[in-house]
Protein backbone atom coordinates (compact mmCIF):
# COMPACT_ATOMS: atom_id res chain seq x y z
CA UNK A 1 34.78 219.33 37.38
CA UNK A 2 35.67 216.19 37.90
CA UNK A 3 36.28 215.90 34.49
CA UNK A 4 38.16 219.14 33.48
CA UNK A 5 40.45 218.23 36.96
CA UNK A 6 41.72 214.94 36.23
CA UNK A 7 42.91 216.47 32.94
CA UNK A 8 45.45 218.47 34.43
CA UNK A 9 46.64 216.44 37.76
CA UNK A 10 50.04 215.02 37.64
CA UNK A 11 49.72 211.30 38.36
CA UNK A 12 51.36 210.34 41.73
CA UNK A 13 49.09 213.12 43.37
CA UNK A 14 47.70 212.32 47.10
CA UNK A 15 44.45 212.99 47.85
CA UNK A 16 43.22 213.71 51.41
CA UNK A 17 39.68 214.03 51.47
CA UNK A 18 37.68 215.05 54.76
CA UNK A 19 35.75 211.84 55.48
CA UNK A 20 32.42 213.81 55.00
CA UNK A 21 29.41 212.58 53.02
CA UNK A 22 29.89 215.88 50.44
CA UNK A 23 33.34 215.53 50.73
CA UNK A 24 33.68 211.61 50.01
CA UNK A 25 31.47 212.13 46.67
CA UNK A 26 33.08 214.37 45.68
CA UNK A 27 36.56 212.47 45.65
CA UNK A 28 34.85 209.48 44.71
CA UNK A 29 34.23 211.13 41.56
CA UNK A 30 37.62 211.82 40.87
CA UNK A 31 38.34 207.74 40.35
CA UNK A 32 41.90 208.21 41.81
CA UNK A 33 42.92 206.18 44.91
CA UNK A 34 42.06 208.93 47.79
CA UNK A 35 42.56 208.40 51.83
CA UNK A 36 40.30 209.80 54.80
CA UNK A 37 41.72 212.44 57.15
CA UNK A 38 39.66 213.10 60.14
CA UNK A 39 42.09 216.65 60.60
CA UNK A 40 39.69 218.39 57.27
CA UNK A 41 36.63 217.85 59.78
CA UNK A 42 35.40 221.37 59.79
CA UNK A 43 36.66 223.13 62.70
CA UNK A 44 40.27 222.39 61.68
CA UNK A 45 42.87 225.31 61.82
CA UNK A 46 44.96 226.18 58.60
CA UNK A 47 48.27 225.24 60.35
CA UNK A 48 46.78 221.73 60.42
CA UNK A 49 46.12 221.46 57.24
CA UNK A 50 49.19 222.68 56.23
CA UNK A 51 51.12 220.23 58.71
CA UNK A 52 49.29 217.43 57.33
CA UNK A 53 50.01 218.11 53.71
CA UNK A 54 53.65 218.68 54.79
CA UNK A 55 53.62 222.40 53.24
CA UNK A 56 55.80 223.44 51.70
CA UNK A 57 57.95 220.38 51.94
CA UNK A 58 55.92 218.22 50.36
CA UNK A 59 57.86 216.06 47.56
CA UNK A 60 54.59 216.20 45.14
CA UNK A 61 51.68 217.43 44.19
CA UNK A 62 48.45 217.44 47.26
CA UNK A 63 44.64 218.05 46.76
CA UNK A 64 42.81 218.79 49.73
CA UNK A 65 38.58 218.31 49.51
CA UNK A 66 37.32 220.14 52.88
CA UNK A 67 35.40 223.12 53.87
CA UNK A 68 35.15 226.63 55.21
CA UNK A 69 36.07 228.23 57.12
CA UNK A 70 39.42 225.89 56.85
CA UNK A 71 40.37 225.87 53.12
CA UNK A 72 39.61 229.83 52.74
CA UNK A 73 42.22 230.55 55.77
CA UNK A 74 44.19 228.33 54.51
CA UNK A 75 44.10 230.47 50.98
CA UNK A 76 44.50 233.37 52.84
CA UNK A 77 47.52 232.50 54.97
CA UNK A 78 49.38 230.88 52.04
CA UNK A 79 48.72 234.32 49.85
CA UNK A 80 49.12 236.81 52.66
CA UNK A 81 46.75 238.12 52.50
CA UNK A 82 45.03 240.86 55.05
CA UNK A 83 41.26 239.36 55.47
CA UNK A 84 41.38 236.16 58.24
CA UNK A 85 39.62 233.94 55.45
CA UNK A 86 39.24 233.70 52.09
CA UNK A 87 35.73 233.09 50.35
CA UNK A 88 36.13 229.51 48.77
CA UNK A 89 32.90 228.55 46.89
CA UNK A 90 31.52 224.83 47.10
CA UNK A 91 32.48 222.56 44.41
CA UNK A 92 35.30 225.20 43.38
CA UNK A 93 39.04 224.40 42.88
CA UNK A 94 42.27 226.79 43.93
CA UNK A 95 45.31 225.51 42.69
CA UNK A 96 48.40 226.69 44.77
CA UNK A 97 52.11 226.33 43.81
CA UNK A 98 55.54 226.84 46.56
CA UNK A 99 58.04 228.46 43.95
CA UNK A 100 61.33 229.62 44.87
CA UNK A 101 63.21 233.26 42.38
CA UNK A 102 66.37 234.62 43.30
CA UNK A 103 66.29 232.72 46.60
CA UNK A 104 62.90 234.11 47.83
CA UNK A 105 60.08 231.88 48.06
CA UNK A 106 56.51 232.49 47.11
CA UNK A 107 53.11 231.17 47.02
CA UNK A 108 51.30 231.71 43.75
CA UNK A 109 47.70 231.05 42.30
CA UNK A 110 48.30 228.70 39.66
CA UNK A 111 44.50 228.81 38.93
CA UNK A 112 40.69 229.16 40.47
CA UNK A 113 37.79 226.71 38.32
CA UNK A 114 34.17 227.11 39.67
CA UNK A 115 31.89 223.86 38.23
CA UNK A 116 29.65 227.35 37.55
CA UNK A 117 31.79 227.93 34.15
CA UNK A 118 32.68 224.21 33.17
């Protein structure tokens, strides 16, 4: 997954990582600088994650390495799903982007990649 992801990610990417053994090991495989953020530990909320990454006003791309259910709750909120959270498999990547068309802002799902398919 790290190789595939590294080929897709832009320069200047901010990488924010939950300070747990598993998430830090995942971030290490990317070979990029990252910041450990306690806000990403289990028990956090979607609103805390969105505030941390400054969504939708961040100037550049942000990669979050975190945990369920926070990640799934955030995806569900951003995509306007009716369920309280979306199931995200361990090791999977969900790539979301905010865009504006005809003065309407929307969140789009660019890609979902599972380690099982690499």
